[in-house]
Amino acid sequence: MTESTSTPTIDGAFRIEENTLTLKVGDYTLSLKIEGPQPKLIGRLQMEPGQTLFDVVLEAAAAFVRENGENEFTAADLYHIAQEKHPDLEIKRNSWNSHIMSSTRNHPSYRHYTSHRDYFRYLSRGKYALTPDMMERVVNYSS
């Protein structure tokens, strides 16, 4: 078995500082920024800073009312609108329904939630409507 006696040589400067690789050969310089993939927190909903799922719920309700011209909807109606507008959010259905119920003061399960909003009225059998205050905000916002 013969060993190779030739070794590669680099005539220039090779430097790594933090996440930048710099190679200098003669008059030429090559700099590369090394970035890994952005970590995604598994099981966590990723939203814009300052945005909550309650904001997405209200946005979906406003979009439903503006698009359909009626103020009666189900949690599923709003869920589908939110999925269309934010496909990257991966919203869990149970979490979505919990946020709807905790945003509905007259819902039988409202008392079981600690985060309360007053966005909707519970009509019956899974039907909801925006409260008059929220309806006014939606109408004024779209005008």
C-alpha atoms as a PDB file:
ATOM      1  CA  MET A   1       0.000   0.000   0.000  1.00  0.00           C
ATOM      2  CA  THR A   2       1.426   3.332  -1.042  1.00  0.00           C
ATOM      3  CA  GLU A   3       0.683   6.593   0.681  1.00  0.00           C
ATOM      4  CA  SER A   4       0.221   9.741  -1.310  1.00  0.00           C
ATOM      5  CA  THR A   5       2.832  12.326  -0.553  1.00  0.00           C
ATOM      6  CA  SER A   6       1.002  15.200  -2.195  1.00  0.00           C
ATOM      7  CA  THR A   7      -1.034  17.378   0.100  1.00  0.00           C
ATOM      8  CA  PRO A   8      -3.381  20.101  -1.075  1.00  0.00           C
ATOM      9  CA  THR A   9      -2.194  23.580  -0.331  1.00  0.00           C
ATOM     10  CA  ILE A  10      -4.122  26.803  -0.087  1.00  0.00           C
ATOM     11  CA  ASP A  11      -2.217  29.897  -1.021  1.00  0.00           C
ATOM     12  CA  GLY A  12      -4.300  32.512   0.668  1.00  0.00           C
ATOM     13  CA  ALA A  13      -6.363  33.058   3.761  1.00  0.00           C
ATOM     14  CA  PHE A  14      -9.096  30.812   5.062  1.00  0.00           C
ATOM     15  CA  ARG A  15     -11.024  32.177   8.030  1.00  0.00           C
ATOM     16  CA  ILE A  16     -14.157  31.273   9.991  1.00  0.00           C
ATOM     17  CA  GLU A  17     -15.660  33.869  12.310  1.00  0.00           C
ATOM     18  CA  GLU A  18     -18.987  33.149  14.014  1.00  0.00           C
ATOM     19  CA  ASN A  19     -21.235  32.172  11.088  1.00  0.00           C
ATOM     20  CA  THR A  20     -19.136  33.613   8.227  1.00  0.00           C
ATOM     21  CA  LEU A  21     -16.638  31.672   6.152  1.00  0.00           C
ATOM     22  CA  THR A  22     -14.081  33.788   4.255  1.00  0.00           C
ATOM     23  CA  LEU A  23     -11.698  32.432   1.625  1.00  0.00           C
ATOM     24  CA  LYS A  24      -9.119  34.742   0.089  1.00  0.00           C
ATOM     25  CA  VAL A  25      -7.112  33.611  -2.911  1.00  0.00           C
ATOM     26  CA  GLY A  26      -4.893  36.221  -4.486  1.00  0.00           C
ATOM     27  CA  ASP A  27      -6.976  39.291  -5.247  1.00  0.00           C
ATOM     28  CA  TYR A  28     -10.251  37.414  -4.852  1.00  0.00           C
ATOM     29  CA  THR A  29     -12.315  37.105  -1.681  1.00  0.00           C
ATOM     30  CA  LEU A  30     -15.271  34.814  -1.168  1.00  0.00           C
ATOM     31  CA  SER A  31     -17.479  35.273   1.920  1.00  0.00           C
ATOM     32  CA  LEU A  32     -20.268  32.879   2.792  1.00  0.00           C
ATOM     33  CA  LYS A  33     -22.762  33.356   5.583  1.00  0.00           C
ATOM     34  CA  ILE A  34     -23.685  30.036   7.118  1.00  0.00           C
ATOM     35  CA  GLU A  35     -27.282  29.748   8.340  1.00  0.00           C
ATOM     36  CA  GLY A  36     -29.082  26.706   9.626  1.00  0.00           C
ATOM     37  CA  PRO A  37     -32.801  26.110   9.336  1.00  0.00           C
ATOM     38  CA  GLN A  38     -35.038  28.203  11.536  1.00  0.00           C
ATOM     39  CA  PRO A  39     -36.213  25.993  14.376  1.00  0.00           C
ATOM     40  CA  LYS A  40     -39.935  25.426  14.495  1.00  0.00           C
ATOM     41  CA  LEU A  41     -41.384  24.818  17.900  1.00  0.00           C
ATOM     42  CA  ILE A  42     -43.282  21.568  17.613  1.00  0.00           C
ATOM     43  CA  GLY A  43     -46.796  21.700  18.975  1.00  0.00           C
ATOM     44  CA  ARG A  44     -46.825  25.497  19.294  1.00  0.00           C
ATOM     45  CA  LEU A  45     -48.834  27.866  17.170  1.00  0.00           C
ATOM     46  CA  GLN A  46     -46.534  30.332  15.399  1.00  0.00           C
ATOM     47  CA  MET A  47     -48.063  33.793  14.978  1.00  0.00           C
ATOM     48  CA  GLU A  48     -46.895  37.305  14.370  1.00  0.00           C
ATOM     49  CA  PRO A  49     -45.552  39.111  17.446  1.00  0.00           C
ATOM     50  CA  GLY A  50     -48.420  40.575  19.456  1.00  0.00           C
ATOM     51  CA  GLN A  51     -51.064  38.506  17.660  1.00  0.00           C
ATOM     52  CA  THR A  52     -53.209  35.985  19.526  1.00  0.00           C
ATOM     53  CA  LEU A  53     -55.593  33.293  18.402  1.00  0.00           C
ATOM     54  CA  PHE A  54     -58.414  35.549  19.618  1.00  0.00           C
ATOM     55  CA  ASP A  55     -57.335  38.085  16.972  1.00  0.00           C
ATOM     56  CA  VAL A  56     -57.532  35.385  14.297  1.00  0.00           C
ATOM     57  CA  VAL A  57     -60.991  34.324  15.561  1.00  0.00           C
ATOM     58  CA  LEU A  58     -62.323  37.878  15.363  1.00  0.00           C
ATOM     59  CA  GLU A  59     -60.698  38.431  11.963  1.00  0.00           C
ATOM     60  CA  ALA A  60     -62.380  35.278  10.624  1.00  0.00           C
ATOM     61  CA  ALA A  61     -65.781  36.364  11.996  1.00  0.00           C
ATOM     62  CA  ALA A  62     -65.400  39.806  10.422  1.00  0.00           C
ATOM     63  CA  ALA A  63     -64.447  38.238   7.087  1.00  0.00           C
ATOM     64  CA  PHE A  64     -67.469  35.902   7.245  1.00  0.00           C
ATOM     65  CA  VAL A  65     -69.891  38.763   7.920  1.00  0.00           C
ATOM     66  CA  ARG A  66     -68.388  40.939   5.167  1.00  0.00           C
ATOM     67  CA  GLU A  67     -68.327  38.132   2.574  1.00  0.00           C
ATOM     68  CA  ASN A  68     -71.736  36.596   3.318  1.00  0.00           C
ATOM     69  CA  GLY A  69     -73.666  39.625   4.540  1.00  0.00           C
ATOM     70  CA  GLU A  70     -75.173  37.670   7.420  1.00  0.00           C
ATOM     71  CA  ASN A  71     -74.369  37.583  11.108  1.00  0.00           C
ATOM     72  CA  GLU A  72     -74.968  33.915  11.872  1.00  0.00           C
ATOM     73  CA  PHE A  73     -72.177  31.363  11.626  1.00  0.00           C
ATOM     74  CA  THR A  74     -70.703  28.229  13.165  1.00  0.00           C
ATOM     75  CA  ALA A  75     -67.261  27.683  14.649  1.00  0.00           C
ATOM     76  CA  ALA A  76     -66.520  25.496  11.617  1.00  0.00           C
ATOM     77  CA  ASP A  77     -67.358  28.363   9.241  1.00  0.00           C
ATOM     78  CA  LEU A  78     -64.825  30.580  10.995  1.00  0.00           C
ATOM     79  CA  TYR A  79     -62.267  27.764  11.200  1.00  0.00           C
ATOM     80  CA  HIS A  80     -62.311  27.280   7.431  1.00  0.00           C
ATOM     81  CA  ILE A  81     -61.900  31.006   6.804  1.00  0.00           C
ATOM     82  CA  ALA A  82     -58.972  31.147   9.231  1.00  0.00           C
ATOM     83  CA  GLN A  83     -57.353  28.131   7.540  1.00  0.00           C
ATOM     84  CA  GLU A  84     -57.639  29.843   4.140  1.00  0.00           C
ATOM     85  CA  LYS A  85     -56.183  33.121   5.396  1.00  0.00           C
ATOM     86  CA  HIS A  86     -53.452  31.537   7.544  1.00  0.00           C
ATOM     87  CA  PRO A  87     -52.547  28.099   6.105  1.00  0.00           C
ATOM     88  CA  ASP A  88     -49.206  28.143   7.922  1.00  0.00           C
ATOM     89  CA  LEU A  89     -50.763  28.354  11.402  1.00  0.00           C
ATOM     90  CA  GLU A  90     -51.799  24.699  11.751  1.00  0.00           C
ATOM     91  CA  ILE A  91     -54.662  25.552  14.102  1.00  0.00           C
ATOM     92  CA  LYS A  92     -55.954  22.637  16.144  1.00  0.00           C
ATOM     93  CA  ARG A  93     -59.715  22.250  15.984  1.00  0.00           C
ATOM     94  CA  ASN A  94     -60.175  21.800  19.758  1.00  0.00           C
ATOM     95  CA  SER A  95     -58.152  24.918  20.509  1.00  0.00           C
ATOM     96  CA  TRP A  96     -60.189  26.848  17.944  1.00  0.00           C
ATOM     97  CA  ASN A  97     -63.504  25.763  19.451  1.00  0.00           C
ATOM     98  CA  SER A  98     -62.258  26.643  22.942  1.00  0.00           C
ATOM     99  CA  HIS A  99     -61.404  30.152  21.806  1.00  0.00           C
ATOM    100  CA  ILE A 100     -64.855  30.544  20.232  1.00  0.00           C
ATOM    101  CA  MET A 101     -66.576  29.448  23.456  1.00  0.00           C
ATOM    102  CA  SER A 102     -64.420  31.674  25.644  1.00  0.00           C
ATOM    103  CA  SER A 103     -65.341  34.594  23.386  1.00  0.00           C
ATOM    104  CA  THR A 104     -69.068  33.998  23.878  1.00  0.00           C
ATOM    105  CA  ARG A 105     -70.371  35.405  27.170  1.00  0.00           C
ATOM    106  CA  ASN A 106     -73.714  33.562  27.083  1.00  0.00           C
ATOM    107  CA  HIS A 107     -72.248  30.160  26.087  1.00  0.00           C
ATOM    108  CA  PRO A 108     -72.812  27.466  28.762  1.00  0.00           C
ATOM    109  CA  SER A 109     -69.069  26.639  28.818  1.00  0.00           C
ATOM    110  CA  TYR A 110     -67.888  30.264  29.064  1.00  0.00           C
ATOM    111  CA  ARG A 111     -67.405  30.033  32.841  1.00  0.00           C
ATOM    112  CA  HIS A 112     -64.815  27.253  32.442  1.00  0.00           C
ATOM    113  CA  TYR A 113     -62.310  29.504  30.662  1.00  0.00           C
ATOM    114  CA  THR A 114     -59.946  32.023  32.227  1.00  0.00           C
ATOM    115  CA  SER A 115     -59.396  34.145  29.104  1.00  0.00           C
ATOM    116  CA  HIS A 116     -62.705  35.866  28.448  1.00  0.00           C
ATOM    117  CA  ARG A 117     -63.700  37.962  25.467  1.00  0.00           C
ATOM    118  CA  ASP A 118     -67.097  39.346  24.525  1.00  0.00           C
ATOM    119  CA  TYR A 119     -67.063  38.907  20.740  1.00  0.00           C
ATOM    120  CA  PHE A 120     -70.039  36.611  20.104  1.00  0.00           C
ATOM    121  CA  ARG A 121     -73.549  35.697  21.209  1.00  0.00           C
ATOM    122  CA  TYR A 122     -74.494  32.022  21.372  1.00  0.00           C
ATOM    123  CA  LEU A 123     -77.710  31.510  19.422  1.00  0.00           C
ATOM    124  CA  SER A 124     -78.162  27.733  19.874  1.00  0.00           C
ATOM    125  CA  ARG A 125     -77.079  24.437  18.351  1.00  0.00           C
ATOM    126  CA  GLY A 126     -73.584  25.607  17.467  1.00  0.00           C
ATOM    127  CA  LYS A 127     -74.653  28.901  15.907  1.00  0.00           C
ATOM    128  CA  TYR A 128     -73.018  32.175  16.877  1.00  0.00           C
ATOM    129  CA  ALA A 129     -73.357  35.850  15.971  1.00  0.00           C
ATOM    130  CA  LEU A 130     -71.173  38.894  16.550  1.00  0.00           C
ATOM    131  CA  THR A 131     -72.269  41.055  19.486  1.00  0.00           C
ATOM    132  CA  PRO A 132     -73.701  44.472  18.527  1.00  0.00           C
ATOM    133  CA  ASP A 133     -70.443  46.175  19.623  1.00  0.00           C
ATOM    134  CA  MET A 134     -68.309  43.850  17.508  1.00  0.00           C
ATOM    135  CA  MET A 135     -70.742  44.111  14.602  1.00  0.00           C
ATOM    136  CA  GLU A 136     -70.385  47.893  14.718  1.00  0.00           C
ATOM    137  CA  ARG A 137     -66.583  47.563  14.693  1.00  0.00           C
ATOM    138  CA  VAL A 138     -66.723  45.207  11.698  1.00  0.00           C
ATOM    139  CA  VAL A 139     -69.049  47.507   9.760  1.00  0.00           C
ATOM    140  CA  ASN A 140     -66.973  50.607  10.550  1.00  0.00           C
ATOM    141  CA  TYR A 141     -63.724  48.795   9.759  1.00  0.00           C
ATOM    142  CA  SER A 142     -64.906  47.651   6.326  1.00  0.00           C
ATOM    143  CA  SER A 143     -66.251  51.071   5.318  1.00  0.00           C
END
